[in-house]
């Protein structure tokens, strides 16, 4: 599980609840089925209209859950695997890799090496594998955009619910004592819309965006290694080229999150 995602979600909701209680609010007064139906139902319906049904199904069944899963991408391990394959190809020839392909756990790396073994030239391999990367990036962007769209719609439907509630409240001014509670209930939809947008849809879309960048970066690294193996380059040279690629990636990550694990990786790279 991705601890950061879960911790962030828990802390955000906890702060809202604690702040409400400290302000003298009663949690039961913030629960209203009608408001929830307007915001959640309206947001879901509008977002479904904005995208093909298969994208919505993918987001609800797989993509959104990925934000809560700890997807580990070990660039150094990937490089070691590529170097091992490069050493075999250098020693026994490119065709010797064919028996190693079923052992590979990554379908992208397997497909790229299979194309190399089949004798395709580097330009054709580059064209095919870059198309694979673009397709992967497209799938990721659809899920990310779906969540961002939902994050944009939910506050809007919150306002719609508030307007509807105010219309109903003002239409019943013959009972002034009921006006206050009715107006308060009307603003609940706005609260729901803002909360769901800023505590779920937008943060989850951003987390998926970061994970997508890491995955795309790994595929680009693999492609660089595949082309190097196909060209018959020295494994030591391939390793140096790929390590530069990783150091560049780690340099960018340091701006976002400086921690001990990253420092350890950089030290390993420099050895």
C-alpha atoms as a PDB file:
ATOM      1  CA  UNK A   1       0.000   0.000   0.000  1.00  0.00           C
ATOM      2  CA  UNK A   2       1.119   3.560  -0.716  1.00  0.00           C
ATOM      3  CA  UNK A   3       1.504   4.996   2.788  1.00  0.00           C
ATOM      4  CA  UNK A   4       1.715   8.585   1.547  1.00  0.00           C
ATOM      5  CA  UNK A   5      -1.646   8.420  -0.230  1.00  0.00           C
ATOM      6  CA  UNK A   6      -3.420   6.760   2.672  1.00  0.00           C
ATOM      7  CA  UNK A   7      -1.779   8.987   5.287  1.00  0.00           C
ATOM      8  CA  UNK A   8      -2.623  12.123   3.328  1.00  0.00           C
ATOM      9  CA  UNK A   9      -6.247  11.081   2.929  1.00  0.00           C
ATOM     10  CA  UNK A  10      -6.608  10.194   6.616  1.00  0.00           C
ATOM     11  CA  UNK A  11      -4.895  13.374   7.824  1.00  0.00           C
ATOM     12  CA  UNK A  12      -7.012  15.580   5.544  1.00  0.00           C
ATOM     13  CA  UNK A  13     -10.325  14.104   6.642  1.00  0.00           C
ATOM     14  CA  UNK A  14      -9.216  14.008  10.285  1.00  0.00           C
ATOM     15  CA  UNK A  15      -8.284  17.705  10.238  1.00  0.00           C
ATOM     16  CA  UNK A  16     -11.642  18.619   8.716  1.00  0.00           C
ATOM     17  CA  UNK A  17     -13.518  16.583  11.325  1.00  0.00           C
ATOM     18  CA  UNK A  18     -11.447  17.862  14.262  1.00  0.00           C
ATOM     19  CA  UNK A  19     -11.757  21.439  13.054  1.00  0.00           C
ATOM     20  CA  UNK A  20     -15.514  21.022  12.787  1.00  0.00           C
ATOM     21  CA  UNK A  21     -15.786  19.667  16.325  1.00  0.00           C
ATOM     22  CA  UNK A  22     -13.541  22.382  17.766  1.00  0.00           C
ATOM     23  CA  UNK A  23     -15.763  24.974  16.098  1.00  0.00           C
ATOM     24  CA  UNK A  24     -18.742  23.581  17.960  1.00  0.00           C
ATOM     25  CA  UNK A  25     -20.245  21.670  15.051  1.00  0.00           C
ATOM     26  CA  UNK A  26     -22.129  18.400  15.359  1.00  0.00           C
ATOM     27  CA  UNK A  27     -21.104  15.792  12.796  1.00  0.00           C
ATOM     28  CA  UNK A  28     -24.626  14.423  12.381  1.00  0.00           C
ATOM     29  CA  UNK A  29     -25.777  17.829  11.140  1.00  0.00           C
ATOM     30  CA  UNK A  30     -23.319  17.556   8.228  1.00  0.00           C
ATOM     31  CA  UNK A  31     -24.820  14.337   6.915  1.00  0.00           C
ATOM     32  CA  UNK A  32     -27.537  14.752   4.328  1.00  0.00           C
ATOM     33  CA  UNK A  33     -28.494  12.141   1.755  1.00  0.00           C
ATOM     34  CA  UNK A  34     -30.014  14.589  -0.723  1.00  0.00           C
ATOM     35  CA  UNK A  35     -26.807  16.649  -0.888  1.00  0.00           C
ATOM     36  CA  UNK A  36     -24.691  13.527  -1.364  1.00  0.00           C
ATOM     37  CA  UNK A  37     -26.903  12.326  -4.215  1.00  0.00           C
ATOM     38  CA  UNK A  38     -26.723  15.682  -6.016  1.00  0.00           C
ATOM     39  CA  UNK A  39     -22.932  15.985  -5.718  1.00  0.00           C
ATOM     40  CA  UNK A  40     -21.778  12.399  -6.147  1.00  0.00           C
ATOM     41  CA  UNK A  41     -24.460  11.372  -8.608  1.00  0.00           C
ATOM     42  CA  UNK A  42     -24.208  14.551 -10.665  1.00  0.00           C
ATOM     43  CA  UNK A  43     -20.408  14.452 -10.762  1.00  0.00           C
ATOM     44  CA  UNK A  44     -20.335  10.802 -11.771  1.00  0.00           C
ATOM     45  CA  UNK A  45     -22.987  11.295 -14.463  1.00  0.00           C
ATOM     46  CA  UNK A  46     -21.329  14.360 -16.004  1.00  0.00           C
ATOM     47  CA  UNK A  47     -17.897  12.704 -16.005  1.00  0.00           C
ATOM     48  CA  UNK A  48     -19.276   9.541 -17.594  1.00  0.00           C
ATOM     49  CA  UNK A  49     -20.767  11.723 -20.331  1.00  0.00           C
ATOM     50  CA  UNK A  50     -17.356  13.298 -20.936  1.00  0.00           C
ATOM     51  CA  UNK A  51     -15.482  10.042 -21.623  1.00  0.00           C
ATOM     52  CA  UNK A  52     -16.042   6.696 -23.330  1.00  0.00           C
ATOM     53  CA  UNK A  53     -17.585   4.095 -21.028  1.00  0.00           C
ATOM     54  CA  UNK A  54     -14.510   1.858 -21.113  1.00  0.00           C
ATOM     55  CA  UNK A  55     -12.389   4.702 -19.691  1.00  0.00           C
ATOM     56  CA  UNK A  56     -14.832   5.174 -16.811  1.00  0.00           C
ATOM     57  CA  UNK A  57     -14.840   1.441 -16.065  1.00  0.00           C
ATOM     58  CA  UNK A  58     -11.037   1.357 -16.090  1.00  0.00           C
ATOM     59  CA  UNK A  59     -10.766   4.344 -13.752  1.00  0.00           C
ATOM     60  CA  UNK A  60     -13.327   3.043 -11.266  1.00  0.00           C
ATOM     61  CA  UNK A  61     -12.075  -0.553 -11.257  1.00  0.00           C
ATOM     62  CA  UNK A  62      -8.293  -0.202 -11.653  1.00  0.00           C
ATOM     63  CA  UNK A  63      -6.709   3.197 -12.183  1.00  0.00           C
ATOM     64  CA  UNK A  64      -7.967   5.012  -9.080  1.00  0.00           C
ATOM     65  CA  UNK A  65      -6.936   2.065  -6.907  1.00  0.00           C
ATOM     66  CA  UNK A  66      -3.393   2.273  -8.287  1.00  0.00           C
ATOM     67  CA  UNK A  67      -2.901   5.498  -6.336  1.00  0.00           C
ATOM     68  CA  UNK A  68      -3.239   3.478  -3.124  1.00  0.00           C
ATOM     69  CA  UNK A  69      -0.828   0.741  -4.231  1.00  0.00           C
ATOM     70  CA  UNK A  70       2.900   1.024  -3.686  1.00  0.00           C
ATOM     71  CA  UNK A  71       4.289   0.468  -7.175  1.00  0.00           C
ATOM     72  CA  UNK A  72       8.042  -0.042  -6.861  1.00  0.00           C
ATOM     73  CA  UNK A  73      10.184   0.843  -9.862  1.00  0.00           C
ATOM     74  CA  UNK A  74      13.831  -0.044  -9.354  1.00  0.00           C
ATOM     75  CA  UNK A  75      15.848   1.570 -12.143  1.00  0.00           C
ATOM     76  CA  UNK A  76      19.112   0.043 -10.976  1.00  0.00           C
ATOM     77  CA  UNK A  77      17.619  -3.446 -10.990  1.00  0.00           C
ATOM     78  CA  UNK A  78      16.300  -2.849 -14.502  1.00  0.00           C
ATOM     79  CA  UNK A  79      19.739  -1.703 -15.617  1.00  0.00           C
ATOM     80  CA  UNK A  80      21.370  -4.802 -14.120  1.00  0.00           C
ATOM     81  CA  UNK A  81      18.934  -7.001 -16.046  1.00  0.00           C
ATOM     82  CA  UNK A  82      19.678  -5.188 -19.300  1.00  0.00           C
ATOM     83  CA  UNK A  83      23.432  -5.481 -18.719  1.00  0.00           C
ATOM     84  CA  UNK A  84      23.091  -9.231 -18.087  1.00  0.00           C
ATOM     85  CA  UNK A  85      21.232  -9.622 -21.376  1.00  0.00           C
ATOM     86  CA  UNK A  86      23.764  -7.430 -23.166  1.00  0.00           C
ATOM     87  CA  UNK A  87      26.602  -9.616 -21.864  1.00  0.00           C
ATOM     88  CA  UNK A  88      24.886 -12.762 -23.141  1.00  0.00           C
ATOM     89  CA  UNK A  89      24.255 -11.177 -26.550  1.00  0.00           C
ATOM     90  CA  UNK A  90      27.851  -9.955 -26.733  1.00  0.00           C
ATOM     91  CA  UNK A  91      29.226 -13.381 -25.881  1.00  0.00           C
ATOM     92  CA  UNK A  92      26.858 -15.784 -27.645  1.00  0.00           C
ATOM     93  CA  UNK A  93      25.177 -13.589 -30.233  1.00  0.00           C
ATOM     94  CA  UNK A  94      21.819 -11.781 -30.361  1.00  0.00           C
ATOM     95  CA  UNK A  95      19.882 -14.973 -31.184  1.00  0.00           C
ATOM     96  CA  UNK A  96      20.960 -16.491 -27.858  1.00  0.00           C
ATOM     97  CA  UNK A  97      18.596 -14.077 -26.085  1.00  0.00           C
ATOM     98  CA  UNK A  98      15.530 -15.827 -27.496  1.00  0.00           C
ATOM     99  CA  UNK A  99      15.598 -18.535 -24.835  1.00  0.00           C
ATOM    100  CA  UNK A 100      15.880 -15.830 -22.140  1.00  0.00           C
ATOM    101  CA  UNK A 101      12.808 -13.887 -23.248  1.00  0.00           C
ATOM    102  CA  UNK A 102      10.184 -16.068 -21.474  1.00  0.00           C
ATOM    103  CA  UNK A 103      11.989 -15.396 -18.188  1.00  0.00           C
ATOM    104  CA  UNK A 104      11.476 -11.633 -18.466  1.00  0.00           C
ATOM    105  CA  UNK A 105       8.695 -10.257 -16.279  1.00  0.00           C
ATOM    106  CA  UNK A 106       8.239  -7.056 -18.271  1.00  0.00           C
ATOM    107  CA  UNK A 107       6.281  -7.432 -21.521  1.00  0.00           C
ATOM    108  CA  UNK A 108       7.726  -4.199 -22.939  1.00  0.00           C
ATOM    109  CA  UNK A 109      11.309  -5.362 -22.539  1.00  0.00           C
ATOM    110  CA  UNK A 110      10.408  -8.801 -23.869  1.00  0.00           C
ATOM    111  CA  UNK A 111       8.727  -7.390 -26.981  1.00  0.00           C
ATOM    112  CA  UNK A 112      11.587  -5.022 -27.741  1.00  0.00           C
ATOM    113  CA  UNK A 113      14.226  -7.727 -27.463  1.00  0.00           C
ATOM    114  CA  UNK A 114      12.092 -10.094 -29.541  1.00  0.00           C
ATOM    115  CA  UNK A 115      12.035  -7.521 -32.311  1.00  0.00           C
ATOM    116  CA  UNK A 116      15.816  -7.240 -32.071  1.00  0.00           C
ATOM    117  CA  UNK A 117      16.212 -11.019 -32.181  1.00  0.00           C
ATOM    118  CA  UNK A 118      13.911 -11.160 -35.212  1.00  0.00           C
ATOM    119  CA  UNK A 119      16.357  -8.957 -37.082  1.00  0.00           C
ATOM    120  CA  UNK A 120      14.520  -5.648 -37.308  1.00  0.00           C
ATOM    121  CA  UNK A 121      16.691  -2.585 -37.809  1.00  0.00           C
ATOM    122  CA  UNK A 122      17.047  -0.044 -35.035  1.00  0.00           C
ATOM    123  CA  UNK A 123      14.813   2.566 -36.671  1.00  0.00           C
ATOM    124  CA  UNK A 124      11.904   0.128 -36.944  1.00  0.00           C
ATOM    125  CA  UNK A 125      12.374  -1.060 -33.360  1.00  0.00           C
ATOM    126  CA  UNK A 126      12.444   2.565 -32.205  1.00  0.00           C
ATOM    127  CA  UNK A 127       9.254   3.344 -34.138  1.00  0.00           C
ATOM    128  CA  UNK A 128       7.340   0.347 -32.770  1.00  0.00           C
ATOM    129  CA  UNK A 129       8.457   0.708 -29.154  1.00  0.00           C
ATOM    130  CA  UNK A 130       7.911   4.463 -29.073  1.00  0.00           C
ATOM    131  CA  UNK A 131       4.355   3.771 -30.240  1.00  0.00           C
ATOM    132  CA  UNK A 132       4.014   1.382 -27.281  1.00  0.00           C
ATOM    133  CA  UNK A 133       5.200   4.114 -24.911  1.00  0.00           C
ATOM    134  CA  UNK A 134       2.814   6.647 -26.444  1.00  0.00           C
ATOM    135  CA  UNK A 135      -0.088   4.213 -26.062  1.00  0.00           C
ATOM    136  CA  UNK A 136       0.828   3.592 -22.419  1.00  0.00           C
ATOM    137  CA  UNK A 137       1.062   7.326 -21.786  1.00  0.00           C
ATOM    138  CA  UNK A 138      -2.290   7.841 -23.509  1.00  0.00           C
ATOM    139  CA  UNK A 139      -3.991   5.261 -21.278  1.00  0.00           C
ATOM    140  CA  UNK A 140      -2.529   6.881 -18.191  1.00  0.00           C
ATOM    141  CA  UNK A 141      -3.516  10.388 -19.285  1.00  0.00           C
ATOM    142  CA  UNK A 142      -7.129   9.319 -19.876  1.00  0.00           C
ATOM    143  CA  UNK A 143      -7.445   8.085 -16.291  1.00  0.00           C
ATOM    144  CA  UNK A 144      -5.699  11.164 -14.912  1.00  0.00           C
ATOM    145  CA  UNK A 145      -7.884  13.512 -16.964  1.00  0.00           C
ATOM    146  CA  UNK A 146     -11.014  11.617 -15.900  1.00  0.00           C
ATOM    147  CA  UNK A 147     -10.231  12.286 -12.245  1.00  0.00           C
ATOM    148  CA  UNK A 148      -9.307  15.914 -12.917  1.00  0.00           C
ATOM    149  CA  UNK A 149     -12.591  16.375 -14.793  1.00  0.00           C
ATOM    150  CA  UNK A 150     -14.519  14.879 -11.878  1.00  0.00           C
ATOM    151  CA  UNK A 151     -12.618  17.243  -9.574  1.00  0.00           C
ATOM    152  CA  UNK A 152     -13.841  20.144 -11.677  1.00  0.00           C
ATOM    153  CA  UNK A 153     -17.466  19.027 -11.830  1.00  0.00           C
ATOM    154  CA  UNK A 154     -17.971  18.237  -8.129  1.00  0.00           C
ATOM    155  CA  UNK A 155     -17.745  21.844  -6.813  1.00  0.00           C
ATOM    156  CA  UNK A 156     -20.074  22.899  -9.632  1.00  0.00           C
ATOM    157  CA  UNK A 157     -22.695  20.366  -8.625  1.00  0.00           C
ATOM    158  CA  UNK A 158     -22.167  21.501  -5.054  1.00  0.00           C
ATOM    159  CA  UNK A 159     -23.216  24.987  -6.137  1.00  0.00           C
ATOM    160  CA  UNK A 160     -26.163  23.543  -8.070  1.00  0.00           C
ATOM    161  CA  UNK A 161     -27.354  21.795  -4.921  1.00  0.00           C
ATOM    162  CA  UNK A 162     -26.916  24.965  -2.893  1.00  0.00           C
ATOM    163  CA  UNK A 163     -28.980  27.005  -5.367  1.00  0.00           C
ATOM    164  CA  UNK A 164     -31.713  24.366  -5.359  1.00  0.00           C
ATOM    165  CA  UNK A 165     -31.697  24.330  -1.572  1.00  0.00           C
ATOM    166  CA  UNK A 166     -31.930  28.106  -1.346  1.00  0.00           C
ATOM    167  CA  UNK A 167     -34.821  28.173  -3.813  1.00  0.00           C
ATOM    168  CA  UNK A 168     -36.696  25.650  -1.679  1.00  0.00           C
ATOM    169  CA  UNK A 169     -35.848  27.528   1.536  1.00  0.00           C
ATOM    170  CA  UNK A 170     -36.952  30.911   0.193  1.00  0.00           C
ATOM    171  CA  UNK A 171     -40.143  29.421  -1.187  1.00  0.00           C
ATOM    172  CA  UNK A 172     -41.129  28.436   2.359  1.00  0.00           C
ATOM    173  CA  UNK A 173     -40.555  31.745   4.142  1.00  0.00           C
ATOM    174  CA  UNK A 174     -43.992  31.438   5.688  1.00  0.00           C
ATOM    175  CA  UNK A 175     -42.251  29.472   8.440  1.00  0.00           C
ATOM    176  CA  UNK A 176     -39.302  31.704   9.463  1.00  0.00           C
ATOM    177  CA  UNK A 177     -38.086  29.305  12.165  1.00  0.00           C
ATOM    178  CA  UNK A 178     -37.336  26.699   9.492  1.00  0.00           C
ATOM    179  CA  UNK A 179     -35.445  29.120   7.222  1.00  0.00           C
ATOM    180  CA  UNK A 180     -32.119  28.940   9.078  1.00  0.00           C
ATOM    181  CA  UNK A 181     -31.801  25.142   9.069  1.00  0.00           C
ATOM    182  CA  UNK A 182     -32.919  25.012   5.439  1.00  0.00           C
ATOM    183  CA  UNK A 183     -30.257  27.518   4.336  1.00  0.00           C
ATOM    184  CA  UNK A 184     -27.593  25.674   6.337  1.00  0.00           C
ATOM    185  CA  UNK A 185     -28.588  22.387   4.703  1.00  0.00           C
ATOM    186  CA  UNK A 186     -28.433  24.037   1.278  1.00  0.00           C
ATOM    187  CA  UNK A 187     -24.771  24.915   1.755  1.00  0.00           C
ATOM    188  CA  UNK A 188     -23.905  21.300   2.551  1.00  0.00           C
ATOM    189  CA  UNK A 189     -23.828  20.437  -1.147  1.00  0.00           C
ATOM    190  CA  UNK A 190     -21.160  23.077  -1.741  1.00  0.00           C
ATOM    191  CA  UNK A 191     -19.178  21.637   1.143  1.00  0.00           C
ATOM    192  CA  UNK A 192     -19.488  18.110  -0.253  1.00  0.00           C
ATOM    193  CA  UNK A 193     -18.408  19.219  -3.717  1.00  0.00           C
ATOM    194  CA  UNK A 194     -15.321  21.082  -2.504  1.00  0.00           C
ATOM    195  CA  UNK A 195     -14.264  18.300  -0.142  1.00  0.00           C
ATOM    196  CA  UNK A 196     -14.533  15.441  -2.637  1.00  0.00           C
ATOM    197  CA  UNK A 197     -12.663  17.479  -5.270  1.00  0.00           C
ATOM    198  CA  UNK A 198      -9.781  18.553  -3.040  1.00  0.00           C
ATOM    199  CA  UNK A 199      -9.503  15.505  -0.804  1.00  0.00           C
ATOM    200  CA  UNK A 200      -9.874  12.788  -3.438  1.00  0.00           C
ATOM    201  CA  UNK A 201     -10.245  13.534  -7.151  1.00  0.00           C
ATOM    202  CA  UNK A 202      -7.444  16.101  -7.581  1.00  0.00           C
ATOM    203  CA  UNK A 203      -4.874  14.517  -5.188  1.00  0.00           C
ATOM    204  CA  UNK A 204      -5.427  11.036  -6.661  1.00  0.00           C
ATOM    205  CA  UNK A 205      -5.048  12.351 -10.215  1.00  0.00           C
ATOM    206  CA  UNK A 206      -1.768  14.027  -9.266  1.00  0.00           C
ATOM    207  CA  UNK A 207      -0.472  10.854  -7.612  1.00  0.00           C
ATOM    208  CA  UNK A 208      -1.324   8.832 -10.720  1.00  0.00           C
ATOM    209  CA  UNK A 209       0.476  11.449 -12.801  1.00  0.00           C
ATOM    210  CA  UNK A 210       3.668  11.023 -10.784  1.00  0.00           C
ATOM    211  CA  UNK A 211       3.489   7.227 -10.989  1.00  0.00           C
ATOM    212  CA  UNK A 212       2.870   7.452 -14.724  1.00  0.00           C
ATOM    213  CA  UNK A 213       5.980   9.586 -15.188  1.00  0.00           C
ATOM    214  CA  UNK A 214       8.089   7.033 -13.299  1.00  0.00           C
ATOM    215  CA  UNK A 215       6.728   4.154 -15.382  1.00  0.00           C
ATOM    216  CA  UNK A 216       7.216   5.993 -18.679  1.00  0.00           C
ATOM    217  CA  UNK A 217      10.764   6.842 -17.620  1.00  0.00           C
ATOM    218  CA  UNK A 218      11.481   3.160 -17.010  1.00  0.00           C
ATOM    219  CA  UNK A 219      10.162   2.207 -20.459  1.00  0.00           C
ATOM    220  CA  UNK A 220      12.378   4.852 -22.056  1.00  0.00           C
ATOM    221  CA  UNK A 221      15.352   3.443 -20.172  1.00  0.00           C
ATOM    222  CA  UNK A 222      14.486  -0.054 -21.407  1.00  0.00           C
ATOM    223  CA  UNK A 223      14.193   1.186 -24.990  1.00  0.00           C
ATOM    224  CA  UNK A 224      17.617   2.784 -24.757  1.00  0.00           C
ATOM    225  CA  UNK A 225      19.016  -0.525 -23.499  1.00  0.00           C
ATOM    226  CA  UNK A 226      17.262  -2.557 -26.205  1.00  0.00           C
ATOM    227  CA  UNK A 227      18.699  -0.399 -28.978  1.00  0.00           C
ATOM    228  CA  UNK A 228      22.147  -0.620 -27.414  1.00  0.00           C
ATOM    229  CA  UNK A 229      21.951  -4.411 -27.256  1.00  0.00           C
ATOM    230  CA  UNK A 230      20.714  -4.553 -30.864  1.00  0.00           C
ATOM    231  CA  UNK A 231      23.683  -2.480 -31.988  1.00  0.00           C
ATOM    232  CA  UNK A 232      26.116  -4.853 -30.260  1.00  0.00           C
ATOM    233  CA  UNK A 233      27.503  -2.216 -27.901  1.00  0.00           C
ATOM    234  CA  UNK A 234      29.869  -3.152 -25.093  1.00  0.00           C
ATOM    235  CA  UNK A 235      27.902  -3.940 -21.876  1.00  0.00           C
ATOM    236  CA  UNK A 236      30.177  -1.643 -19.885  1.00  0.00           C
ATOM    237  CA  UNK A 237      29.403   1.257 -22.210  1.00  0.00           C
ATOM    238  CA  UNK A 238      25.679   0.463 -22.068  1.00  0.00           C
ATOM    239  CA  UNK A 239      25.817   0.534 -18.288  1.00  0.00           C
ATOM    240  CA  UNK A 240      27.495   3.946 -18.240  1.00  0.00           C
ATOM    241  CA  UNK A 241      24.895   5.354 -20.622  1.00  0.00           C
ATOM    242  CA  UNK A 242      21.977   4.010 -18.609  1.00  0.00           C
ATOM    243  CA  UNK A 243      23.431   5.152 -15.293  1.00  0.00           C
ATOM    244  CA  UNK A 244      23.613   8.700 -16.636  1.00  0.00           C
ATOM    245  CA  UNK A 245      19.919   8.324 -17.508  1.00  0.00           C
ATOM    246  CA  UNK A 246      19.114   7.265 -13.935  1.00  0.00           C
ATOM    247  CA  UNK A 247      21.220  10.000 -12.353  1.00  0.00           C
ATOM    248  CA  UNK A 248      19.308  12.579 -14.370  1.00  0.00           C
ATOM    249  CA  UNK A 249      16.022  11.095 -13.149  1.00  0.00           C
ATOM    250  CA  UNK A 250      17.180  11.047  -9.537  1.00  0.00           C
ATOM    251  CA  UNK A 251      18.347  14.634  -9.817  1.00  0.00           C
ATOM    252  CA  UNK A 252      14.810  15.660 -10.785  1.00  0.00           C
ATOM    253  CA  UNK A 253      13.281  13.612  -7.980  1.00  0.00           C
ATOM    254  CA  UNK A 254      15.527  15.242  -5.379  1.00  0.00           C
ATOM    255  CA  UNK A 255      13.768  18.537  -5.988  1.00  0.00           C
ATOM    256  CA  UNK A 256      10.499  16.904  -4.958  1.00  0.00           C
ATOM    257  CA  UNK A 257      11.576  14.601  -2.167  1.00  0.00           C
ATOM    258  CA  UNK A 258      15.012  14.555  -0.546  1.00  0.00           C
ATOM    259  CA  UNK A 259      15.375  11.454   1.570  1.00  0.00           C
ATOM    260  CA  UNK A 260      17.993   8.959   2.647  1.00  0.00           C
ATOM    261  CA  UNK A 261      16.987   6.263   0.194  1.00  0.00           C
ATOM    262  CA  UNK A 262      17.632   8.565  -2.776  1.00  0.00           C
ATOM    263  CA  UNK A 263      21.015   9.546  -1.388  1.00  0.00           C
ATOM    264  CA  UNK A 264      21.903   5.868  -1.125  1.00  0.00           C
ATOM    265  CA  UNK A 265      20.962   5.285  -4.762  1.00  0.00           C
ATOM    266  CA  UNK A 266      23.078   8.212  -5.920  1.00  0.00           C
ATOM    267  CA  UNK A 267      26.057   6.905  -3.971  1.00  0.00           C
ATOM    268  CA  UNK A 268      25.643   3.518  -5.630  1.00  0.00           C
ATOM    269  CA  UNK A 269      25.537   5.160  -9.041  1.00  0.00           C
ATOM    270  CA  UNK A 270      28.739   7.094  -8.419  1.00  0.00           C
ATOM    271  CA  UNK A 271      30.675   3.922  -7.529  1.00  0.00           C
END
